[in-house]
PDB file of N, CA and C in Angstrom:
ATOM      1  N   UNK A   1       0.529  -0.848   0.105  1.00  0.00           N
ATOM      2  CA  UNK A   1       0.018   0.200   0.100  1.00  0.00           C
ATOM      3  C   UNK A   1       1.024   1.014   0.048  1.00  0.00           C
ATOM      4  N   UNK A   2       0.396   2.439  -0.914  1.00  0.00           N
ATOM      5  CA  UNK A   2       1.217   3.266  -0.940  1.00  0.00           C
ATOM      6  C   UNK A   2       1.415   4.109   0.117  1.00  0.00           C
ATOM      7  N   UNK A   3       2.101   5.260   0.563  1.00  0.00           N
ATOM      8  CA  UNK A   3       1.825   5.934   1.771  1.00  0.00           C
ATOM      9  C   UNK A   3       1.252   7.429   1.355  1.00  0.00           C
ATOM     10  N   UNK A   4      -0.009   6.976   1.575  1.00  0.00           N
ATOM     11  CA  UNK A   4      -1.115   8.377   1.405  1.00  0.00           C
ATOM     12  C   UNK A   4      -1.159   9.444   2.240  1.00  0.00           C
ATOM     13  N   UNK A   5      -0.239   9.216   3.028  1.00  0.00           N
ATOM     14  CA  UNK A   5       0.017  10.763   3.777  1.00  0.00           C
ATOM     15  C   UNK A   5       1.609  11.520   3.943  1.00  0.00           C
ATOM     16  N   UNK A   6       2.206  11.038   2.912  1.00  0.00           N
ATOM     17  CA  UNK A   6       3.841  11.359   2.797  1.00  0.00           C
ATOM     18  C   UNK A   6       3.685  12.920   1.907  1.00  0.00           C
ATOM     19  N   UNK A   7       2.617  13.172   1.454  1.00  0.00           N
ATOM     20  CA  UNK A   7       2.762  14.165   0.656  1.00  0.00           C
ATOM     21  C   UNK A   7       2.757  15.439   1.403  1.00  0.00           C
ATOM     22  N   UNK A   8       1.736  15.152   3.030  1.00  0.00           N
ATOM     23  CA  UNK A   8       1.940  16.566   3.698  1.00  0.00           C
ATOM     24  C   UNK A   8       3.493  16.601   4.291  1.00  0.00           C
ATOM     25  N   UNK A   9       4.526  15.954   4.340  1.00  0.00           N
ATOM     26  CA  UNK A   9       5.495  16.220   4.840  1.00  0.00           C
ATOM     27  C   UNK A   9       6.434  17.537   4.371  1.00  0.00           C
ATOM     28  N   UNK A  10       6.160  17.641   3.037  1.00  0.00           N
ATOM     29  CA  UNK A  10       6.840  19.207   2.029  1.00  0.00           C
ATOM     30  C   UNK A  10       5.820  20.200   2.711  1.00  0.00           C
ATOM     31  N   UNK A  11       4.956  20.182   3.167  1.00  0.00           N
ATOM     32  CA  UNK A  11       4.089  21.506   3.458  1.00  0.00           C
ATOM     33  C   UNK A  11       3.733  21.943   4.898  1.00  0.00           C
ATOM     34  N   UNK A  12       4.697  21.013   5.796  1.00  0.00           N
ATOM     35  CA  UNK A  12       4.651  20.963   7.320  1.00  0.00           C
ATOM     36  C   UNK A  12       5.090  22.399   7.731  1.00  0.00           C
ATOM     37  N   UNK A  13       5.873  23.065   7.326  1.00  0.00           N
ATOM     38  CA  UNK A  13       6.707  24.570   7.699  1.00  0.00           C
ATOM     39  C   UNK A  13       5.193  25.711   7.241  1.00  0.00           C
ATOM     40  N   UNK A  14       4.575  25.569   6.222  1.00  0.00           N
ATOM     41  CA  UNK A  14       3.590  26.341   5.795  1.00  0.00           C
ATOM     42  C   UNK A  14       2.179  26.134   7.100  1.00  0.00           C
ATOM     43  N   UNK A  15       1.937  25.116   6.726  1.00  0.00           N
ATOM     44  CA  UNK A  15       1.130  24.351   7.839  1.00  0.00           C
ATOM     45  C   UNK A  15       0.905  24.913   8.728  1.00  0.00           C
ATOM     46  N   UNK A  16       2.266  24.620   9.843  1.00  0.00           N
ATOM     47  CA  UNK A  16       2.555  24.960  10.981  1.00  0.00           C
ATOM     48  C   UNK A  16       2.378  26.358  10.993  1.00  0.00           C
ATOM     49  N   UNK A  17       2.727  27.486   9.928  1.00  0.00           N
ATOM     50  CA  UNK A  17       2.872  28.795  10.286  1.00  0.00           C
ATOM     51  C   UNK A  17       1.624  29.613   9.990  1.00  0.00           C
ATOM     52  N   UNK A  18       1.034  29.060   8.841  1.00  0.00           N
ATOM     53  CA  UNK A  18      -0.392  29.693   8.215  1.00  0.00           C
ATOM     54  C   UNK A  18      -1.450  29.266   8.489  1.00  0.00           C
ATOM     55  N   UNK A  19      -1.815  28.489   8.734  1.00  0.00           N
ATOM     56  CA  UNK A  19      -2.987  27.701   8.998  1.00  0.00           C
ATOM     57  C   UNK A  19      -3.795  28.157  10.171  1.00  0.00           C
ATOM     58  N   UNK A  20      -5.070  28.832  10.205  1.00  0.00           N
ATOM     59  CA  UNK A  20      -5.468  29.355  11.089  1.00  0.00           C
ATOM     60  C   UNK A  20      -5.697  28.749  12.410  1.00  0.00           C
ATOM     61  N   UNK A  21      -5.862  29.218  13.612  1.00  0.00           N
ATOM     62  CA  UNK A  21      -6.092  28.504  14.433  1.00  0.00           C
ATOM     63  C   UNK A  21      -7.843  28.553  14.993  1.00  0.00           C
ATOM     64  N   UNK A  22      -7.743  27.639  15.754  1.00  0.00           N
ATOM     65  CA  UNK A  22      -9.530  27.181  15.609  1.00  0.00           C
ATOM     66  C   UNK A  22      -9.819  28.060  17.045  1.00  0.00           C
ATOM     67  N   UNK A  23     -10.622  28.368  16.860  1.00  0.00           N
ATOM     68  CA  UNK A  23     -11.299  29.500  17.789  1.00  0.00           C
ATOM     69  C   UNK A  23     -11.531  28.972  19.230  1.00  0.00           C
ATOM     70  N   UNK A  24     -10.687  29.658  20.774  1.00  0.00           N
ATOM     71  CA  UNK A  24     -10.956  29.188  22.087  1.00  0.00           C
ATOM     72  C   UNK A  24     -12.608  28.429  22.235  1.00  0.00           C
ATOM     73  N   UNK A  25     -13.274  29.537  21.689  1.00  0.00           N
ATOM     74  CA  UNK A  25     -14.963  29.414  21.894  1.00  0.00           C
ATOM     75  C   UNK A  25     -15.069  27.924  21.915  1.00  0.00           C
ATOM     76  N   UNK A  26     -14.437  27.491  20.696  1.00  0.00           N
ATOM     77  CA  UNK A  26     -14.999  25.862  20.588  1.00  0.00           C
ATOM     78  C   UNK A  26     -14.932  24.883  21.558  1.00  0.00           C
ATOM     79  N   UNK A  27     -14.218  25.174  22.717  1.00  0.00           N
ATOM     80  CA  UNK A  27     -14.047  24.477  23.923  1.00  0.00           C
ATOM     81  C   UNK A  27     -14.987  25.035  24.940  1.00  0.00           C
ATOM     82  N   UNK A  28     -15.459  26.465  24.605  1.00  0.00           N
ATOM     83  CA  UNK A  28     -16.543  26.525  25.871  1.00  0.00           C
ATOM     84  C   UNK A  28     -17.861  25.854  25.155  1.00  0.00           C
ATOM     85  N   UNK A  29     -17.989  26.387  24.031  1.00  0.00           N
ATOM     86  CA  UNK A  29     -19.204  25.554  23.517  1.00  0.00           C
ATOM     87  C   UNK A  29     -19.075  24.342  23.934  1.00  0.00           C
ATOM     88  N   UNK A  30     -18.308  23.359  23.792  1.00  0.00           N
ATOM     89  CA  UNK A  30     -18.235  22.014  24.117  1.00  0.00           C
ATOM     90  C   UNK A  30     -18.568  21.604  25.679  1.00  0.00           C
ATOM     91  N   UNK A  31     -18.165  22.353  26.523  1.00  0.00           N
ATOM     92  CA  UNK A  31     -18.302  22.404  27.861  1.00  0.00           C
ATOM     93  C   UNK A  31     -19.661  22.760  27.956  1.00  0.00           C
ATOM     94  N   UNK A  32     -20.320  23.482  27.488  1.00  0.00           N
ATOM     95  CA  UNK A  32     -21.888  24.028  27.498  1.00  0.00           C
ATOM     96  C   UNK A  32     -23.020  22.951  27.171  1.00  0.00           C
ATOM     97  N   UNK A  33     -22.574  22.223  25.916  1.00  0.00           N
ATOM     98  CA  UNK A  33     -23.361  21.550  24.768  1.00  0.00           C
ATOM     99  C   UNK A  33     -23.502  19.849  25.242  1.00  0.00           C
ATOM    100  N   UNK A  34     -22.093  19.806  25.991  1.00  0.00           N
ATOM    101  CA  UNK A  34     -21.400  18.444  25.825  1.00  0.00           C
ATOM    102  C   UNK A  34     -20.994  18.044  27.868  1.00  0.00           C
ATOM    103  N   UNK A  35     -20.636  19.281  28.365  1.00  0.00           N
ATOM    104  CA  UNK A  35     -20.197  18.879  29.401  1.00  0.00           C
ATOM    105  C   UNK A  35     -18.581  18.541  29.415  1.00  0.00           C
ATOM    106  N   UNK A  36     -17.994  18.986  28.651  1.00  0.00           N
ATOM    107  CA  UNK A  36     -16.514  19.076  28.690  1.00  0.00           C
ATOM    108  C   UNK A  36     -15.951  19.018  29.937  1.00  0.00           C
ATOM    109  N   UNK A  37     -15.058  18.580  30.503  1.00  0.00           N
ATOM    110  CA  UNK A  37     -14.575  18.889  31.844  1.00  0.00           C
ATOM    111  C   UNK A  37     -12.889  18.574  31.766  1.00  0.00           C
ATOM    112  N   UNK A  38     -11.938  18.749  32.114  1.00  0.00           N
ATOM    113  CA  UNK A  38     -10.546  18.618  32.342  1.00  0.00           C
ATOM    114  C   UNK A  38     -10.384  17.092  32.704  1.00  0.00           C
ATOM    115  N   UNK A  39     -11.328  16.514  33.144  1.00  0.00           N
ATOM    116  CA  UNK A  39     -11.034  14.939  33.833  1.00  0.00           C
ATOM    117  C   UNK A  39     -11.682  14.299  32.479  1.00  0.00           C
ATOM    118  N   UNK A  40     -11.796  14.562  31.694  1.00  0.00           N
ATOM    119  CA  UNK A  40     -11.849  13.717  30.647  1.00  0.00           C
ATOM    120  C   UNK A  40     -10.506  14.046  29.563  1.00  0.00           C
ATOM    121  N   UNK A  41     -10.541  12.329  28.835  1.00  0.00           N
ATOM    122  CA  UNK A  41      -9.472  12.520  27.512  1.00  0.00           C
ATOM    123  C   UNK A  41     -10.175  13.062  26.401  1.00  0.00           C
ATOM    124  N   UNK A  42      -9.281  13.607  25.334  1.00  0.00           N
ATOM    125  CA  UNK A  42      -9.716  13.683  23.836  1.00  0.00           C
ATOM    126  C   UNK A  42      -8.787  12.934  23.170  1.00  0.00           C
ATOM    127  N   UNK A  43      -9.062  12.436  22.199  1.00  0.00           N
ATOM    128  CA  UNK A  43      -8.297  11.762  21.006  1.00  0.00           C
ATOM    129  C   UNK A  43      -8.273  12.785  19.963  1.00  0.00           C
ATOM    130  N   UNK A  44      -7.352  13.249  19.603  1.00  0.00           N
ATOM    131  CA  UNK A  44      -7.169  14.234  18.157  1.00  0.00           C
ATOM    132  C   UNK A  44      -7.144  13.463  16.603  1.00  0.00           C
ATOM    133  N   UNK A  45      -8.019  13.275  16.208  1.00  0.00           N
ATOM    134  CA  UNK A  45      -7.645  12.107  15.078  1.00  0.00           C
ATOM    135  C   UNK A  45      -7.104  13.105  14.243  1.00  0.00           C
ATOM    136  N   UNK A  46      -5.866  12.651  13.487  1.00  0.00           N
ATOM    137  CA  UNK A  46      -5.566  13.618  12.245  1.00  0.00           C
ATOM    138  C   UNK A  46      -5.070  15.344  12.921  1.00  0.00           C
ATOM    139  N   UNK A  47      -4.306  14.272  13.966  1.00  0.00           N
ATOM    140  CA  UNK A  47      -3.425  16.062  14.849  1.00  0.00           C
ATOM    141  C   UNK A  47      -3.210  16.607  14.464  1.00  0.00           C
ATOM    142  N   UNK A  48      -2.299  16.405  12.892  1.00  0.00           N
ATOM    143  CA  UNK A  48      -1.408  17.245  12.177  1.00  0.00           C
ATOM    144  C   UNK A  48      -0.474  17.809  13.176  1.00  0.00           C
ATOM    145  N   UNK A  49      -0.209  19.408  12.893  1.00  0.00           N
ATOM    146  CA  UNK A  49       0.892  19.965  14.256  1.00  0.00           C
ATOM    147  C   UNK A  49       0.677  20.415  15.168  1.00  0.00           C
ATOM    148  N   UNK A  50      -0.840  19.982  15.736  1.00  0.00           N
ATOM    149  CA  UNK A  50      -1.155  20.445  16.773  1.00  0.00           C
ATOM    150  C   UNK A  50      -2.153  21.452  17.429  1.00  0.00           C
ATOM    151  N   UNK A  51      -2.747  21.678  16.251  1.00  0.00           N
ATOM    152  CA  UNK A  51      -3.490  23.046  16.927  1.00  0.00           C
ATOM    153  C   UNK A  51      -4.641  23.012  17.500  1.00  0.00           C
ATOM    154  N   UNK A  52      -5.411  21.585  16.994  1.00  0.00           N
ATOM    155  CA  UNK A  52      -6.761  21.721  18.215  1.00  0.00           C
ATOM    156  C   UNK A  52      -6.546  21.343  19.637  1.00  0.00           C
ATOM    157  N   UNK A  53      -5.254  20.037  19.294  1.00  0.00           N
ATOM    158  CA  UNK A  53      -4.404  19.436  20.623  1.00  0.00           C
ATOM    159  C   UNK A  53      -4.612  20.707  21.571  1.00  0.00           C
ATOM    160  N   UNK A  54      -3.938  21.549  21.196  1.00  0.00           N
ATOM    161  CA  UNK A  54      -3.119  22.621  22.176  1.00  0.00           C
ATOM    162  C   UNK A  54      -4.827  23.505  22.946  1.00  0.00           C
ATOM    163  N   UNK A  55      -5.841  23.337  22.145  1.00  0.00           N
ATOM    164  CA  UNK A  55      -6.770  24.208  22.956  1.00  0.00           C
ATOM    165  C   UNK A  55      -7.583  23.260  24.282  1.00  0.00           C
ATOM    166  N   UNK A  56      -7.768  21.909  23.824  1.00  0.00           N
ATOM    167  CA  UNK A  56      -7.743  21.396  24.932  1.00  0.00           C
ATOM    168  C   UNK A  56      -6.792  20.862  25.831  1.00  0.00           C
ATOM    169  N   UNK A  57      -5.763  20.879  25.771  1.00  0.00           N
ATOM    170  CA  UNK A  57      -4.577  20.905  26.648  1.00  0.00           C
ATOM    171  C   UNK A  57      -4.749  22.060  27.711  1.00  0.00           C
ATOM    172  N   UNK A  58      -4.815  23.119  26.965  1.00  0.00           N
ATOM    173  CA  UNK A  58      -5.547  24.644  27.608  1.00  0.00           C
ATOM    174  C   UNK A  58      -5.756  24.177  28.983  1.00  0.00           C
ATOM    175  N   UNK A  59      -7.402  23.385  28.328  1.00  0.00           N
ATOM    176  CA  UNK A  59      -8.485  23.676  29.323  1.00  0.00           C
ATOM    177  C   UNK A  59      -7.989  22.353  30.251  1.00  0.00           C
ATOM    178  N   UNK A  60      -6.694  21.795  30.611  1.00  0.00           N
ATOM    179  CA  UNK A  60      -6.516  20.901  31.027  1.00  0.00           C
ATOM    180  C   UNK A  60      -6.792  19.486  31.066  1.00  0.00           C
ATOM    181  N   UNK A  61      -7.338  19.163  29.595  1.00  0.00           N
ATOM    182  CA  UNK A  61      -7.375  17.550  29.067  1.00  0.00           C
ATOM    183  C   UNK A  61      -6.055  16.922  28.777  1.00  0.00           C
ATOM    184  N   UNK A  62      -6.418  15.548  28.871  1.00  0.00           N
ATOM    185  CA  UNK A  62      -5.422  14.622  28.597  1.00  0.00           C
ATOM    186  C   UNK A  62      -5.486  14.780  26.887  1.00  0.00           C
ATOM    187  N   UNK A  63      -4.651  14.608  26.368  1.00  0.00           N
ATOM    188  CA  UNK A  63      -4.693  14.527  24.989  1.00  0.00           C
ATOM    189  C   UNK A  63      -3.718  13.651  24.063  1.00  0.00           C
ATOM    190  N   UNK A  64      -4.960  12.774  23.677  1.00  0.00           N
ATOM    191  CA  UNK A  64      -3.937  12.085  22.632  1.00  0.00           C
ATOM    192  C   UNK A  64      -4.035  12.034  21.148  1.00  0.00           C
ATOM    193  N   UNK A  65      -2.864  12.871  20.826  1.00  0.00           N
ATOM    194  CA  UNK A  65      -2.466  13.508  19.315  1.00  0.00           C
ATOM    195  C   UNK A  65      -2.683  12.193  18.551  1.00  0.00           C
ATOM    196  N   UNK A  66      -3.217  11.649  17.409  1.00  0.00           N
ATOM    197  CA  UNK A  66      -2.946  10.677  16.727  1.00  0.00           C
ATOM    198  C   UNK A  66      -3.067  11.352  15.068  1.00  0.00           C
ATOM    199  N   UNK A  67      -1.295  10.782  14.804  1.00  0.00           N
ATOM    200  CA  UNK A  67      -0.959  11.355  13.423  1.00  0.00           C
ATOM    201  C   UNK A  67      -0.099  10.516  12.507  1.00  0.00           C
ATOM    202  N   UNK A  68      -0.376  10.184  11.499  1.00  0.00           N
ATOM    203  CA  UNK A  68       0.174   8.873  10.985  1.00  0.00           C
ATOM    204  C   UNK A  68       1.544   9.692  10.180  1.00  0.00           C
ATOM    205  N   UNK A  69       1.327  11.233   9.859  1.00  0.00           N
ATOM    206  CA  UNK A  69       2.554  11.696   9.220  1.00  0.00           C
ATOM    207  C   UNK A  69       3.666  11.829  10.518  1.00  0.00           C
ATOM    208  N   UNK A  70       4.732  11.498   9.680  1.00  0.00           N
ATOM    209  CA  UNK A  70       6.249  11.617  10.787  1.00  0.00           C
ATOM    210  C   UNK A  70       6.078  13.310  10.922  1.00  0.00           C
ATOM    211  N   UNK A  71       6.515  14.220   9.995  1.00  0.00           N
ATOM    212  CA  UNK A  71       6.979  15.391   9.989  1.00  0.00           C
ATOM    213  C   UNK A  71       5.799  16.129  10.807  1.00  0.00           C
ATOM    214  N   UNK A  72       4.549  15.925  10.847  1.00  0.00           N
ATOM    215  CA  UNK A  72       3.505  16.504  11.179  1.00  0.00           C
ATOM    216  C   UNK A  72       3.381  16.495  12.554  1.00  0.00           C
ATOM    217  N   UNK A  73       3.564  14.877  13.001  1.00  0.00           N
ATOM    218  CA  UNK A  73       3.484  14.807  14.672  1.00  0.00           C
ATOM    219  C   UNK A  73       4.850  15.157  15.271  1.00  0.00           C
ATOM    220  N   UNK A  74       5.841  15.229  14.255  1.00  0.00           N
ATOM    221  CA  UNK A  74       7.300  16.020  15.329  1.00  0.00           C
ATOM    222  C   UNK A  74       6.568  17.513  15.619  1.00  0.00           C
ATOM    223  N   UNK A  75       6.295  18.050  14.278  1.00  0.00           N
ATOM    224  CA  UNK A  75       5.702  19.555  14.543  1.00  0.00           C
ATOM    225  C   UNK A  75       4.959  19.261  15.989  1.00  0.00           C
ATOM    226  N   UNK A  76       3.987  18.821  16.189  1.00  0.00           N
ATOM    227  CA  UNK A  76       3.057  18.724  17.004  1.00  0.00           C
ATOM    228  C   UNK A  76       3.517  18.512  18.504  1.00  0.00           C
ATOM    229  N   UNK A  77       4.571  17.443  18.471  1.00  0.00           N
ATOM    230  CA  UNK A  77       5.431  17.241  19.588  1.00  0.00           C
ATOM    231  C   UNK A  77       6.222  18.449  20.228  1.00  0.00           C
ATOM    232  N   UNK A  78       6.802  19.418  19.116  1.00  0.00           N
ATOM    233  CA  UNK A  78       7.870  20.147  19.150  1.00  0.00           C
ATOM    234  C   UNK A  78       6.984  21.368  19.673  1.00  0.00           C
ATOM    235  N   UNK A  79       5.418  22.009  19.584  1.00  0.00           N
ATOM    236  CA  UNK A  79       4.864  22.563  19.766  1.00  0.00           C
ATOM    237  C   UNK A  79       4.297  22.642  21.121  1.00  0.00           C
ATOM    238  N   UNK A  80       3.806  21.132  21.194  1.00  0.00           N
ATOM    239  CA  UNK A  80       3.444  20.908  22.739  1.00  0.00           C
ATOM    240  C   UNK A  80       4.202  20.019  23.905  1.00  0.00           C
ATOM    241  N   UNK A  81       5.205  20.315  23.626  1.00  0.00           N
ATOM    242  CA  UNK A  81       6.445  19.810  24.321  1.00  0.00           C
ATOM    243  C   UNK A  81       6.193  20.162  26.038  1.00  0.00           C
ATOM    244  N   UNK A  82       5.991  21.214  25.876  1.00  0.00           N
ATOM    245  CA  UNK A  82       5.654  21.787  27.574  1.00  0.00           C
ATOM    246  C   UNK A  82       4.270  21.064  28.298  1.00  0.00           C
ATOM    247  N   UNK A  83       3.903  20.918  27.603  1.00  0.00           N
ATOM    248  CA  UNK A  83       2.090  20.291  28.186  1.00  0.00           C
ATOM    249  C   UNK A  83       2.609  18.414  28.647  1.00  0.00           C
ATOM    250  N   UNK A  84       2.582  18.328  29.912  1.00  0.00           N
ATOM    251  CA  UNK A  84       2.750  16.787  30.035  1.00  0.00           C
ATOM    252  C   UNK A  84       2.188  15.967  30.130  1.00  0.00           C
ATOM    253  N   UNK A  85       0.303  16.624  29.886  1.00  0.00           N
ATOM    254  CA  UNK A  85      -0.309  15.660  29.253  1.00  0.00           C
ATOM    255  C   UNK A  85      -1.128  15.257  27.853  1.00  0.00           C
ATOM    256  N   UNK A  86      -0.141  15.771  26.939  1.00  0.00           N
ATOM    257  CA  UNK A  86       0.029  15.349  25.869  1.00  0.00           C
ATOM    258  C   UNK A  86       0.664  14.070  25.158  1.00  0.00           C
ATOM    259  N   UNK A  87       0.386  12.952  24.811  1.00  0.00           N
ATOM    260  CA  UNK A  87       0.696  11.954  24.407  1.00  0.00           C
ATOM    261  C   UNK A  87       0.282  11.935  22.736  1.00  0.00           C
ATOM    262  N   UNK A  88       1.460  11.413  22.220  1.00  0.00           N
ATOM    263  CA  UNK A  88       1.561  11.521  20.503  1.00  0.00           C
ATOM    264  C   UNK A  88       1.557   9.960  20.190  1.00  0.00           C
ATOM    265  N   UNK A  89       0.572   9.566  19.219  1.00  0.00           N
ATOM    266  CA  UNK A  89       0.519   8.420  19.215  1.00  0.00           C
ATOM    267  C   UNK A  89       0.766   8.306  17.021  1.00  0.00           C
ATOM    268  N   UNK A  90       1.663   7.793  17.015  1.00  0.00           N
ATOM    269  CA  UNK A  90       2.005   7.446  15.294  1.00  0.00           C
ATOM    270  C   UNK A  90       0.759   6.213  14.703  1.00  0.00           C
ATOM    271  N   UNK A  91      -0.068   6.628  14.371  1.00  0.00           N
ATOM    272  CA  UNK A  91      -1.358   5.923  13.939  1.00  0.00           C
ATOM    273  C   UNK A  91      -2.059   6.447  12.785  1.00  0.00           C
ATOM    274  N   UNK A  92      -2.922   6.140  12.387  1.00  0.00           N
ATOM    275  CA  UNK A  92      -3.764   6.269  11.104  1.00  0.00           C
ATOM    276  C   UNK A  92      -5.796   6.366  12.018  1.00  0.00           C
ATOM    277  N   UNK A  93      -6.670   7.381  11.490  1.00  0.00           N
ATOM    278  CA  UNK A  93      -7.881   6.959  11.864  1.00  0.00           C
ATOM    279  C   UNK A  93      -7.960   5.598  11.732  1.00  0.00           C
ATOM    280  N   UNK A  94      -7.628   5.044  11.208  1.00  0.00           N
ATOM    281  CA  UNK A  94      -8.405   3.435  11.221  1.00  0.00           C
ATOM    282  C   UNK A  94      -7.538   2.478  12.092  1.00  0.00           C
ATOM    283  N   UNK A  95      -6.671   3.072  12.786  1.00  0.00           N
ATOM    284  CA  UNK A  95      -6.070   2.070  13.586  1.00  0.00           C
ATOM    285  C   UNK A  95      -5.124   2.972  14.535  1.00  0.00           C
ATOM    286  N   UNK A  96      -6.061   3.389  15.874  1.00  0.00           N
ATOM    287  CA  UNK A  96      -5.853   4.196  16.591  1.00  0.00           C
ATOM    288  C   UNK A  96      -5.090   3.989  17.842  1.00  0.00           C
ATOM    289  N   UNK A  97      -5.009   2.483  17.843  1.00  0.00           N
ATOM    290  CA  UNK A  97      -4.148   1.841  19.063  1.00  0.00           C
ATOM    291  C   UNK A  97      -5.052   2.144  20.637  1.00  0.00           C
TER     292      UNK A  97
END
């Protein structure tokens, strides 16, 4: 099977630098609508460079960042290195472990 995720490797820096951040209101909405609390773990499937994971980490959640592309995953690990509740997982959405 061909590596269908490797094409992201060449755009990691642009993705990290220019992709818009997710609005912090998302976490507030999830608190109100779904009862999100820091006690809950979050799985960020297709975590990319970790932009969404960072929102949940700032909320105090343990985040499992599932990302199949090595370069994207390394960018997330670097961005989120100061968050002890971040766990990086090298996997696809179909096999998250």
